[in-house]
Amino acid sequence: MKKRPPSLLSVRVLRWLCAMVFISGLGGIIISSIAGNNEGWVVSIGLTTSLAALLLIVISTVTSQQRGHVFNEAEAENLEARINTQVAAGASETELREIVRRAIDLGRRSS
């Protein structure tokens, strides 16, 4: 059996527990609303269920491995300088910029 780092194991356990509380809470809401007219139980179970769902969202967001898109000013300036170099060497600026746009679109569709 492959050993997992403790932090990932605990995140997995927390996700599982939140999912169990959430599923149990849905059943509890249904049963307590059918069993009687006690709104206190329904509200208490509902708040617990919503807290578990919120905790599940926060855990998933915080432990996400994907990085957000960051605009890199230095890379943009480098690309612009290379385009200007190609234009100075005689390339068509309009055609070159269209190639760059299509490359960006292709990259966005691929990722």
N, C-alpha and C. Protein backbone atom coordinates (compact mmCIF):
# COMPACT_ATOMS: atom_id res chain seq x y z
N MET A 1 0.85 -1.18 0.00
CA MET A 1 0.00 0.00 0.00
C MET A 1 0.89 1.24 0.00
N LYS A 2 0.56 2.18 -0.85
CA LYS A 2 1.35 3.40 -0.99
C LYS A 2 1.07 4.35 0.17
N LYS A 3 2.13 4.85 0.78
CA LYS A 3 1.99 5.81 1.89
C LYS A 3 1.67 7.19 1.33
N ARG A 4 0.74 7.86 1.94
CA ARG A 4 0.39 9.23 1.57
C ARG A 4 0.91 10.17 2.62
N PRO A 5 1.24 11.40 2.22
CA PRO A 5 1.62 12.39 3.22
C PRO A 5 0.47 12.63 4.19
N PRO A 6 0.76 12.90 5.46
CA PRO A 6 -0.31 13.09 6.45
C PRO A 6 -1.28 14.20 6.09
N SER A 7 -0.79 15.27 5.48
CA SER A 7 -1.68 16.39 5.17
C SER A 7 -2.72 16.00 4.14
N LEU A 8 -2.31 15.22 3.12
CA LEU A 8 -3.27 14.80 2.10
C LEU A 8 -4.26 13.80 2.66
N LEU A 9 -3.81 12.94 3.55
CA LEU A 9 -4.70 11.97 4.17
C LEU A 9 -5.74 12.69 5.01
N SER A 10 -5.33 13.69 5.77
CA SER A 10 -6.29 14.40 6.60
C SER A 10 -7.28 15.20 5.76
N VAL A 11 -6.83 15.74 4.64
CA VAL A 11 -7.76 16.45 3.75
C VAL A 11 -8.78 15.47 3.18
N ARG A 12 -8.31 14.29 2.82
CA ARG A 12 -9.22 13.28 2.29
C ARG A 12 -10.25 12.88 3.34
N VAL A 13 -9.80 12.71 4.57
CA VAL A 13 -10.71 12.34 5.67
C VAL A 13 -11.71 13.46 5.92
N LEU A 14 -11.24 14.71 5.93
CA LEU A 14 -12.15 15.84 6.14
C LEU A 14 -13.19 15.94 5.03
N ARG A 15 -12.78 15.72 3.80
CA ARG A 15 -13.75 15.74 2.70
C ARG A 15 -14.80 14.64 2.87
N TRP A 16 -14.33 13.47 3.25
CA TRP A 16 -15.24 12.35 3.44
C TRP A 16 -16.22 12.63 4.57
N LEU A 17 -15.71 13.16 5.69
CA LEU A 17 -16.58 13.48 6.83
C LEU A 17 -17.59 14.56 6.46
N CYS A 18 -17.16 15.58 5.75
CA CYS A 18 -18.09 16.64 5.33
C CYS A 18 -19.18 16.07 4.43
N ALA A 19 -18.79 15.19 3.53
CA ALA A 19 -19.77 14.59 2.63
C ALA A 19 -20.77 13.73 3.42
N MET A 20 -20.29 13.00 4.42
CA MET A 20 -21.18 12.17 5.24
C MET A 20 -22.14 13.05 6.06
N VAL A 21 -21.62 14.13 6.65
CA VAL A 21 -22.48 15.04 7.41
C VAL A 21 -23.52 15.66 6.49
N PHE A 22 -23.08 16.03 5.30
CA PHE A 22 -24.00 16.64 4.34
C PHE A 22 -25.11 15.67 3.94
N ILE A 23 -24.75 14.45 3.62
CA ILE A 23 -25.75 13.44 3.21
C ILE A 23 -26.67 13.09 4.38
N SER A 24 -26.09 12.91 5.56
CA SER A 24 -26.90 12.62 6.75
C SER A 24 -27.82 13.78 7.08
N GLY A 25 -27.32 14.99 6.90
CA GLY A 25 -28.12 16.17 7.18
C GLY A 25 -29.33 16.28 6.28
N LEU A 26 -29.16 15.92 5.02
CA LEU A 26 -30.31 15.95 4.11
C LEU A 26 -31.39 14.98 4.58
N GLY A 27 -30.96 13.78 4.96
CA GLY A 27 -31.93 12.82 5.51
C GLY A 27 -32.55 13.32 6.79
N GLY A 28 -31.74 13.95 7.65
CA GLY A 28 -32.26 14.48 8.91
C GLY A 28 -33.28 15.58 8.70
N ILE A 29 -33.03 16.43 7.72
CA ILE A 29 -34.00 17.50 7.42
C ILE A 29 -35.32 16.90 6.98
N ILE A 30 -35.26 15.92 6.11
CA ILE A 30 -36.49 15.30 5.60
C ILE A 30 -37.23 14.58 6.73
N ILE A 31 -36.51 13.80 7.52
CA ILE A 31 -37.15 13.05 8.61
C ILE A 31 -37.73 13.98 9.67
N SER A 32 -36.97 15.02 10.06
CA SER A 32 -37.47 15.92 11.11
C SER A 32 -38.63 16.77 10.61
N SER A 33 -38.67 17.08 9.33
CA SER A 33 -39.82 17.85 8.85
C SER A 33 -41.06 16.98 8.71
N ILE A 34 -40.87 15.70 8.41
CA ILE A 34 -42.02 14.79 8.32
C ILE A 34 -42.51 14.39 9.71
N ALA A 35 -41.60 14.19 10.66
CA ALA A 35 -41.94 13.66 11.99
C ALA A 35 -42.79 14.62 12.81
N GLY A 36 -42.63 15.89 12.61
CA GLY A 36 -43.42 16.80 13.43
C GLY A 36 -43.27 18.23 12.97
N ASN A 37 -43.80 19.10 13.76
CA ASN A 37 -43.79 20.50 13.41
C ASN A 37 -42.75 21.24 14.23
N ASN A 38 -41.63 20.59 14.51
CA ASN A 38 -40.59 21.19 15.31
C ASN A 38 -39.56 21.87 14.40
N GLU A 39 -39.73 23.17 14.22
CA GLU A 39 -38.86 23.91 13.31
C GLU A 39 -37.44 24.03 13.84
N GLY A 40 -37.25 23.92 15.14
CA GLY A 40 -35.92 24.01 15.73
C GLY A 40 -34.99 22.91 15.23
N TRP A 41 -35.51 21.69 15.15
CA TRP A 41 -34.70 20.58 14.65
C TRP A 41 -34.35 20.78 13.19
N VAL A 42 -35.31 21.18 12.41
CA VAL A 42 -35.08 21.37 10.97
C VAL A 42 -34.03 22.45 10.75
N VAL A 43 -34.14 23.55 11.47
CA VAL A 43 -33.18 24.65 11.30
C VAL A 43 -31.79 24.23 11.79
N SER A 44 -31.72 23.54 12.93
CA SER A 44 -30.42 23.10 13.45
C SER A 44 -29.72 22.14 12.50
N ILE A 45 -30.45 21.17 12.00
CA ILE A 45 -29.86 20.22 11.06
C ILE A 45 -29.49 20.91 9.75
N GLY A 46 -30.35 21.83 9.33
CA GLY A 46 -30.07 22.58 8.10
C GLY A 46 -28.81 23.42 8.21
N LEU A 47 -28.63 24.08 9.36
CA LEU A 47 -27.42 24.88 9.56
C LEU A 47 -26.17 24.00 9.62
N THR A 48 -26.28 22.86 10.26
CA THR A 48 -25.14 21.93 10.32
C THR A 48 -24.80 21.42 8.92
N THR A 49 -25.81 21.11 8.15
CA THR A 49 -25.59 20.63 6.78
C THR A 49 -24.97 21.71 5.91
N SER A 50 -25.46 22.92 6.04
CA SER A 50 -24.88 24.01 5.23
C SER A 50 -23.45 24.32 5.66
N LEU A 51 -23.16 24.19 6.95
CA LEU A 51 -21.79 24.39 7.42
C LEU A 51 -20.86 23.32 6.85
N ALA A 52 -21.33 22.07 6.81
CA ALA A 52 -20.52 20.99 6.22
C ALA A 52 -20.28 21.24 4.74
N ALA A 53 -21.30 21.71 4.03
CA ALA A 53 -21.14 22.00 2.61
C ALA A 53 -20.16 23.15 2.40
N LEU A 54 -20.26 24.19 3.23
CA LEU A 54 -19.35 25.32 3.13
C LEU A 54 -17.92 24.89 3.44
N LEU A 55 -17.74 24.06 4.43
CA LEU A 55 -16.42 23.55 4.79
C LEU A 55 -15.84 22.71 3.65
N LEU A 56 -16.68 21.92 3.00
CA LEU A 56 -16.24 21.12 1.86
C LEU A 56 -15.77 22.02 0.71
N ILE A 57 -16.48 23.10 0.46
CA ILE A 57 -16.08 24.05 -0.59
C ILE A 57 -14.76 24.72 -0.24
N VAL A 58 -14.62 25.14 1.02
CA VAL A 58 -13.38 25.81 1.45
C VAL A 58 -12.19 24.86 1.37
N ILE A 59 -12.35 23.64 1.82
CA ILE A 59 -11.27 22.66 1.76
C ILE A 59 -10.86 22.41 0.31
N SER A 60 -11.82 22.25 -0.57
CA SER A 60 -11.50 22.01 -1.97
C SER A 60 -10.80 23.20 -2.60
N THR A 61 -11.21 24.41 -2.23
CA THR A 61 -10.59 25.61 -2.79
C THR A 61 -9.18 25.79 -2.28
N VAL A 62 -8.97 25.61 -1.00
CA VAL A 62 -7.66 25.85 -0.40
C VAL A 62 -6.65 24.81 -0.84
N THR A 63 -7.07 23.58 -1.00
CA THR A 63 -6.12 22.52 -1.36
C THR A 63 -6.00 22.29 -2.85
N SER A 64 -6.60 23.14 -3.66
CA SER A 64 -6.50 23.00 -5.10
C SER A 64 -5.05 23.15 -5.56
N GLN A 65 -4.64 22.31 -6.48
CA GLN A 65 -3.26 22.32 -6.97
C GLN A 65 -3.08 23.25 -8.17
N GLN A 66 -4.16 23.72 -8.76
CA GLN A 66 -4.05 24.59 -9.92
C GLN A 66 -3.77 26.02 -9.50
N ARG A 67 -2.90 26.66 -10.24
CA ARG A 67 -2.61 28.07 -9.98
C ARG A 67 -3.49 28.93 -10.88
N GLY A 68 -3.85 30.07 -10.36
CA GLY A 68 -4.64 31.00 -11.15
C GLY A 68 -3.80 31.62 -12.25
N HIS A 69 -4.47 32.15 -13.27
CA HIS A 69 -3.78 32.79 -14.38
C HIS A 69 -3.19 34.12 -13.92
N VAL A 70 -1.91 34.30 -14.18
CA VAL A 70 -1.23 35.54 -13.80
C VAL A 70 -0.63 36.15 -15.06
N PHE A 71 -0.92 37.41 -15.29
CA PHE A 71 -0.36 38.10 -16.45
C PHE A 71 1.08 38.48 -16.14
N ASN A 72 1.98 38.08 -17.02
CA ASN A 72 3.40 38.35 -16.83
C ASN A 72 3.80 39.51 -17.73
N GLU A 73 4.02 40.66 -17.11
CA GLU A 73 4.36 41.88 -17.85
C GLU A 73 5.68 41.74 -18.61
N ALA A 74 6.67 41.09 -18.01
CA ALA A 74 7.98 40.94 -18.65
C ALA A 74 7.86 40.09 -19.92
N GLU A 75 7.09 39.02 -19.86
CA GLU A 75 6.90 38.19 -21.06
C GLU A 75 6.15 38.94 -22.14
N ALA A 76 5.18 39.75 -21.76
CA ALA A 76 4.43 40.54 -22.74
C ALA A 76 5.35 41.56 -23.42
N GLU A 77 6.21 42.20 -22.65
CA GLU A 77 7.16 43.16 -23.24
C GLU A 77 8.15 42.46 -24.17
N ASN A 78 8.60 41.27 -23.77
CA ASN A 78 9.52 40.50 -24.61
C ASN A 78 8.85 40.13 -25.93
N LEU A 79 7.61 39.67 -25.88
CA LEU A 79 6.88 39.32 -27.09
C LEU A 79 6.68 40.53 -27.99
N GLU A 80 6.33 41.66 -27.40
CA GLU A 80 6.13 42.88 -28.18
C GLU A 80 7.44 43.31 -28.86
N ALA A 81 8.57 43.19 -28.14
CA ALA A 81 9.87 43.55 -28.72
C ALA A 81 10.22 42.61 -29.88
N ARG A 82 9.91 41.34 -29.75
CA ARG A 82 10.19 40.40 -30.84
C ARG A 82 9.31 40.67 -32.05
N ILE A 83 8.04 41.04 -31.81
CA ILE A 83 7.17 41.41 -32.93
C ILE A 83 7.73 42.63 -33.63
N ASN A 84 8.16 43.65 -32.86
CA ASN A 84 8.72 44.86 -33.47
C ASN A 84 9.99 44.56 -34.25
N THR A 85 10.82 43.61 -33.76
CA THR A 85 12.03 43.22 -34.48
C THR A 85 11.68 42.58 -35.82
N GLN A 86 10.67 41.72 -35.80
CA GLN A 86 10.25 41.07 -37.05
C GLN A 86 9.66 42.07 -38.04
N VAL A 87 8.90 43.05 -37.53
CA VAL A 87 8.32 44.08 -38.39
C VAL A 87 9.44 44.94 -38.99
N ALA A 88 10.45 45.26 -38.18
CA ALA A 88 11.58 46.05 -38.68
C ALA A 88 12.36 45.28 -39.74
N ALA A 89 12.35 43.94 -39.66
CA ALA A 89 13.05 43.12 -40.65
C ALA A 89 12.23 42.93 -41.92
N GLY A 90 11.00 43.45 -41.94
CA GLY A 90 10.20 43.42 -43.16
C GLY A 90 8.94 42.57 -43.10
N ALA A 91 8.64 41.97 -41.98
CA ALA A 91 7.42 41.15 -41.87
C ALA A 91 6.20 42.06 -41.77
N SER A 92 5.07 41.54 -42.21
CA SER A 92 3.81 42.29 -42.13
C SER A 92 3.31 42.27 -40.68
N GLU A 93 3.14 43.46 -40.08
CA GLU A 93 2.72 43.54 -38.68
C GLU A 93 1.32 42.95 -38.49
N THR A 94 0.42 43.24 -39.41
CA THR A 94 -0.95 42.73 -39.30
C THR A 94 -0.96 41.21 -39.33
N GLU A 95 -0.21 40.62 -40.27
CA GLU A 95 -0.18 39.16 -40.38
C GLU A 95 0.50 38.54 -39.16
N LEU A 96 1.56 39.16 -38.68
CA LEU A 96 2.27 38.65 -37.51
C LEU A 96 1.39 38.68 -36.26
N ARG A 97 0.66 39.77 -36.07
CA ARG A 97 -0.23 39.86 -34.91
C ARG A 97 -1.38 38.86 -35.01
N GLU A 98 -1.85 38.59 -36.22
CA GLU A 98 -2.90 37.58 -36.41
C GLU A 98 -2.37 36.19 -36.04
N ILE A 99 -1.13 35.90 -36.39
CA ILE A 99 -0.52 34.62 -36.02
C ILE A 99 -0.45 34.50 -34.50
N VAL A 100 -0.05 35.57 -33.83
CA VAL A 100 0.04 35.56 -32.36
C VAL A 100 -1.34 35.35 -31.75
N ARG A 101 -2.37 36.02 -32.26
CA ARG A 101 -3.74 35.84 -31.75
C ARG A 101 -4.21 34.40 -31.90
N ARG A 102 -3.94 33.81 -33.05
CA ARG A 102 -4.36 32.43 -33.28
C ARG A 102 -3.61 31.47 -32.38
N ALA A 103 -2.33 31.75 -32.12
CA ALA A 103 -1.55 30.92 -31.19
C ALA A 103 -2.11 31.00 -29.77
N ILE A 104 -2.50 32.21 -29.36
CA ILE A 104 -3.10 32.39 -28.03
C ILE A 104 -4.42 31.63 -27.94
N ASP A 105 -5.25 31.74 -28.97
CA ASP A 105 -6.53 31.02 -28.97
C ASP A 105 -6.32 29.52 -28.91
N LEU A 106 -5.34 29.03 -29.67
CA LEU A 106 -5.04 27.60 -29.64
C LEU A 106 -4.58 27.16 -28.26
N GLY A 107 -3.74 27.95 -27.62
CA GLY A 107 -3.28 27.63 -26.27
C GLY A 107 -4.41 27.62 -25.27
N ARG A 108 -5.33 28.53 -25.39
CA ARG A 108 -6.47 28.58 -24.46
C ARG A 108 -7.38 27.38 -24.63
N ARG A 109 -7.58 26.97 -25.88
CA ARG A 109 -8.43 25.79 -26.12
C ARG A 109 -7.77 24.50 -25.68
N SER A 110 -6.45 24.46 -25.71
CA SER A 110 -5.71 23.25 -25.36
C SER A 110 -5.60 23.05 -23.85
N SER A 111 -5.66 24.13 -23.08
CA SER A 111 -5.47 23.98 -21.64
C SER A 111 -6.74 23.77 -20.90
